[in-house]
Amino acid sequence: MRSLQIYDLLRHHEERPNVSELRLRHPMIVTFHLAYICLIGMVYTQFSTKTSGQNLYFMVMIGLYLSSAAYHTWRPNSTLRFIDQTMIGWYVHILPYPLIYHEPWALPLTLSLMAMTAISKWYDWEGKLANQIDWLIPEKHYLIGATTFFLFGALSFGLVITYGFSAINVELVSITTFWLLLATVCFIGKLYFYTSRKGELIKNVWETPESGHFSLAQGNNIYMILVILYAV
């Protein structure tokens, strides 16, 4: 009986989530997200040097996990989806900022990209564009969003390599590059799980959402350490 009760708490409640009864849409994601927010806050307060680049990075990162926790708690509506998708885009844009914030163009570029993302998600241009593409069947509409995030991620990666490494005096062939590449693989891993829809380990408990967020968290852990170690 006890094991059945634990399973009921852990399993997905996609159709009728109820917070008061601890029937969450994706309970494992919500639980670990809330714990991870505490970890992020501890790392920021105890180990960061509070540069403006780090301040904005950690603020967006905490916002990302708060919005994601809400998105996976309730049945998502348009507001939850807008906030969640916007915060994902903002996090992708903010990745190079702790290393390049001293560049005069870094803040205007970052804020412009963040504004473009928010406007796009508000008007749901990706959904409207998907409806106009004959070969993109409805079940694959999310590929437009995934492709957009991948391209923005490539831009952020390029900024880290070209300007960030110069700021922290790191060579292109180095152990730091290895960790950056590993973090990037983890970020791409989240896109893989969400686009392939293959991530089930425990039916109705650990499926694609959990696998995708696990991969993302590993990338976040690696990159967060780099941001702390290489305070500009």
Protein backbone atom coordinates (compact mmCIF):
# COMPACT_ATOMS: atom_id res chain seq x y z
CA MET A 1 0.00 0.00 0.00
CA ARG A 2 2.79 2.44 0.92
CA SER A 3 4.65 1.79 -2.34
CA LEU A 4 1.45 2.45 -4.26
CA GLN A 5 1.04 5.79 -2.46
CA ILE A 6 4.63 6.78 -3.26
CA TYR A 7 4.12 5.83 -6.91
CA ASP A 8 0.95 7.93 -7.02
CA LEU A 9 2.92 10.94 -5.77
CA LEU A 10 5.72 10.42 -8.30
CA ARG A 11 3.73 9.60 -11.42
CA HIS A 12 2.59 12.16 -13.97
CA HIS A 13 -0.82 13.73 -13.51
CA GLU A 14 -1.19 15.26 -16.95
CA GLU A 15 -4.96 15.58 -17.11
CA ARG A 16 -5.99 16.64 -13.62
CA PRO A 17 -3.09 18.00 -11.58
CA ASN A 18 -4.07 19.14 -8.08
CA VAL A 19 -1.43 20.89 -5.96
CA SER A 20 -3.40 20.62 -2.71
CA GLU A 21 -3.40 16.83 -3.12
CA LEU A 22 0.25 16.76 -4.29
CA ARG A 23 -0.90 15.50 -7.68
CA LEU A 24 1.55 17.44 -9.84
CA ARG A 25 1.88 17.22 -13.59
CA HIS A 26 5.56 16.18 -13.39
CA PRO A 27 6.34 15.81 -9.67
CA MET A 28 9.99 14.71 -10.00
CA ILE A 29 10.85 17.75 -12.11
CA VAL A 30 9.10 20.13 -9.71
CA THR A 31 10.79 18.60 -6.64
CA PHE A 32 14.28 18.74 -8.09
CA HIS A 33 13.76 22.20 -9.58
CA LEU A 34 12.83 23.66 -6.20
CA ALA A 35 15.85 22.00 -4.58
CA TYR A 36 18.07 23.19 -7.44
CA ILE A 37 16.93 26.78 -6.95
CA CYS A 38 18.20 26.56 -3.36
CA LEU A 39 21.54 25.22 -4.66
CA ILE A 40 21.83 28.03 -7.21
CA GLY A 41 21.11 30.60 -4.52
CA MET A 42 23.75 29.09 -2.23
CA VAL A 43 26.38 29.08 -4.99
CA TYR A 44 25.60 32.69 -5.84
CA THR A 45 25.71 33.98 -2.27
CA GLN A 46 28.73 31.95 -1.15
CA PHE A 47 31.00 31.71 -4.18
CA SER A 48 30.23 34.43 -6.73
CA THR A 49 32.00 37.77 -6.78
CA LYS A 50 28.74 39.55 -7.61
CA THR A 51 29.89 41.05 -10.90
CA SER A 52 27.12 42.56 -13.01
CA GLY A 53 27.56 39.65 -15.42
CA GLN A 54 27.16 37.08 -12.67
CA ASN A 55 24.24 38.97 -11.14
CA LEU A 56 22.21 38.89 -14.35
CA TYR A 57 23.21 35.30 -15.11
CA PHE A 58 22.08 33.94 -11.74
CA MET A 59 18.91 36.04 -11.76
CA VAL A 60 17.86 34.61 -15.13
CA MET A 61 18.86 31.10 -14.09
CA ILE A 62 16.70 31.23 -10.97
CA GLY A 63 13.85 32.67 -13.03
CA LEU A 64 14.26 29.80 -15.50
CA TYR A 65 13.83 27.16 -12.82
CA LEU A 66 10.98 28.96 -11.08
CA SER A 67 9.04 29.24 -14.33
CA SER A 68 9.83 25.64 -15.24
CA ALA A 69 8.66 24.43 -11.83
CA ALA A 70 5.36 26.25 -12.34
CA TYR A 71 5.04 24.92 -15.90
CA HIS A 72 5.46 21.33 -14.73
CA THR A 73 3.21 21.76 -11.69
CA TRP A 74 -0.04 22.74 -13.37
CA ARG A 75 -1.61 21.89 -16.68
CA PRO A 76 0.06 24.49 -18.90
CA ASN A 77 -1.98 27.34 -20.35
CA SER A 78 -0.87 30.10 -22.71
CA THR A 79 0.51 32.25 -19.88
CA LEU A 80 2.60 29.47 -18.34
CA ARG A 81 3.87 28.46 -21.76
CA PHE A 82 4.82 32.05 -22.63
CA ILE A 83 6.75 32.54 -19.38
CA ASP A 84 8.48 29.15 -19.59
CA GLN A 85 9.49 29.47 -23.23
CA THR A 86 10.63 33.06 -22.76
CA MET A 87 12.82 32.15 -19.79
CA ILE A 88 14.42 29.31 -21.76
CA GLY A 89 15.28 31.76 -24.52
CA TRP A 90 16.59 34.30 -22.02
CA TYR A 91 18.84 31.72 -20.44
CA VAL A 92 20.34 30.82 -23.82
CA HIS A 93 21.03 34.50 -24.49
CA ILE A 94 22.53 35.16 -21.06
CA LEU A 95 25.10 32.34 -21.15
CA PRO A 96 28.04 34.38 -22.51
CA TYR A 97 27.18 37.55 -20.58
CA PRO A 98 29.19 36.83 -17.36
CA LEU A 99 32.34 36.63 -19.52
CA ILE A 100 31.67 39.46 -21.99
CA TYR A 101 29.65 42.01 -19.97
CA HIS A 102 32.59 44.43 -20.03
CA GLU A 103 32.26 44.79 -23.82
CA PRO A 104 30.28 47.97 -24.66
CA TRP A 105 28.01 46.09 -27.06
CA ALA A 106 27.32 43.10 -24.78
CA LEU A 107 24.44 44.54 -22.75
CA PRO A 108 22.58 46.12 -25.72
CA LEU A 109 22.93 42.90 -27.71
CA THR A 110 21.79 40.70 -24.83
CA LEU A 111 18.81 42.90 -23.97
CA SER A 112 17.81 43.14 -27.64
CA LEU A 113 17.84 39.35 -28.04
CA MET A 114 15.86 38.95 -24.82
CA ALA A 115 13.28 41.47 -26.02
CA MET A 116 13.00 39.75 -29.41
CA THR A 117 12.43 36.41 -27.69
CA ALA A 118 9.72 37.79 -25.41
CA ILE A 119 7.90 39.48 -28.30
CA SER A 120 8.13 36.34 -30.44
CA LYS A 121 6.74 34.13 -27.67
CA TRP A 122 4.00 36.63 -26.82
CA TYR A 123 2.70 36.66 -30.38
CA ASP A 124 3.53 32.98 -30.88
CA TRP A 125 5.11 33.56 -34.26
CA GLU A 126 6.56 30.07 -34.25
CA GLY A 127 3.09 28.53 -34.02
CA LYS A 128 1.74 30.75 -36.78
CA LEU A 129 4.75 30.00 -38.98
CA ALA A 130 4.35 26.26 -38.38
CA ASN A 131 0.75 26.39 -39.59
CA GLN A 132 1.95 27.86 -42.90
CA ILE A 133 4.49 25.10 -43.60
CA ASP A 134 2.87 22.21 -45.43
CA TRP A 135 5.53 19.61 -44.67
CA LEU A 136 5.64 20.41 -40.94
CA ILE A 137 2.88 18.24 -39.52
CA PRO A 138 1.19 19.49 -36.32
CA GLU A 139 2.98 16.92 -34.15
CA LYS A 140 6.30 18.41 -35.26
CA HIS A 141 5.52 22.11 -34.74
CA TYR A 142 7.88 22.20 -31.78
CA LEU A 143 10.81 21.68 -34.19
CA ILE A 144 10.70 25.37 -35.11
CA GLY A 145 11.23 26.34 -31.49
CA ALA A 146 13.96 23.74 -31.05
CA THR A 147 15.77 24.95 -34.18
CA THR A 148 15.53 28.56 -32.98
CA PHE A 149 17.01 27.67 -29.60
CA PHE A 150 19.78 25.70 -31.30
CA LEU A 151 20.74 28.67 -33.49
CA PHE A 152 20.70 31.09 -30.57
CA GLY A 153 22.77 28.57 -28.63
CA ALA A 154 25.31 28.50 -31.44
CA LEU A 155 25.50 32.30 -31.26
CA SER A 156 26.09 32.19 -27.50
CA PHE A 157 28.73 29.49 -27.92
CA GLY A 158 30.50 31.60 -30.52
CA LEU A 159 30.51 34.65 -28.24
CA VAL A 160 32.00 32.62 -25.40
CA ILE A 161 34.74 31.23 -27.63
CA THR A 162 35.63 34.44 -29.45
CA TYR A 163 35.23 37.10 -26.75
CA GLY A 164 34.77 35.26 -23.46
CA PHE A 165 37.93 33.16 -23.72
CA SER A 166 39.91 36.27 -24.59
CA ALA A 167 38.61 38.02 -21.49
CA ILE A 168 39.64 35.16 -19.17
CA ASN A 169 42.92 34.41 -21.03
CA VAL A 170 41.99 30.84 -21.94
CA GLU A 171 43.38 29.11 -25.01
CA LEU A 172 41.03 27.49 -27.50
CA VAL A 173 42.68 24.11 -26.91
CA SER A 174 42.38 23.75 -23.15
CA ILE A 175 40.62 21.87 -20.36
CA THR A 176 38.17 24.78 -20.13
CA THR A 177 37.16 24.22 -23.74
CA PHE A 178 36.57 20.55 -22.94
CA TRP A 179 34.17 21.45 -20.12
CA LEU A 180 32.45 24.03 -22.29
CA LEU A 181 31.95 21.45 -25.02
CA LEU A 182 30.63 18.95 -22.47
CA ALA A 183 28.14 21.51 -21.17
CA THR A 184 27.09 22.23 -24.75
CA VAL A 185 26.53 18.52 -25.39
CA CYS A 186 24.27 18.41 -22.32
CA PHE A 187 22.31 21.44 -23.58
CA ILE A 188 21.87 19.79 -26.97
CA GLY A 189 20.85 16.63 -25.13
CA LYS A 190 17.76 18.41 -23.82
CA LEU A 191 16.81 19.37 -27.37
CA TYR A 192 17.40 15.77 -28.47
CA PHE A 193 15.06 14.32 -25.86
CA TYR A 194 12.34 16.85 -26.60
CA THR A 195 12.52 16.54 -30.38
CA SER A 196 12.91 12.77 -30.50
CA ARG A 197 10.42 12.18 -27.65
CA LYS A 198 12.59 9.25 -26.52
CA GLY A 199 13.42 9.45 -22.86
CA GLU A 200 11.31 6.93 -20.98
CA LEU A 201 13.00 5.04 -18.14
CA ILE A 202 10.04 4.52 -15.80
CA LYS A 203 6.66 4.73 -17.49
CA ASN A 204 4.62 7.70 -16.33
CA VAL A 205 7.32 8.69 -13.81
CA TRP A 206 10.61 9.29 -15.67
CA GLU A 207 9.91 10.05 -19.29
CA THR A 208 11.02 12.62 -21.87
CA PRO A 209 10.54 15.72 -19.63
CA GLU A 210 12.64 14.22 -16.82
CA SER A 211 15.39 13.02 -19.18
CA GLY A 212 15.53 16.38 -20.93
CA HIS A 213 15.78 18.35 -17.70
CA PHE A 214 18.36 15.95 -16.27
CA SER A 215 20.59 16.58 -19.29
CA LEU A 216 20.00 20.33 -19.02
CA ALA A 217 20.89 20.34 -15.31
CA GLN A 218 24.25 18.69 -15.97
CA GLY A 219 25.08 21.36 -18.52
CA ASN A 220 23.95 24.06 -16.09
CA ASN A 221 26.14 22.61 -13.34
CA ILE A 222 29.23 22.63 -15.52
CA TYR A 223 28.66 26.11 -16.89
CA MET A 224 27.77 27.55 -13.48
CA ILE A 225 31.13 26.34 -12.15
CA LEU A 226 32.92 27.97 -15.09
CA VAL A 227 31.10 31.25 -14.40
CA ILE A 228 32.23 31.10 -10.77
CA LEU A 229 35.83 30.10 -11.54
CA TYR A 230 36.32 32.70 -14.28
CA ALA A 231 34.87 35.86 -12.78
CA VAL A 232 35.91 38.73 -15.04
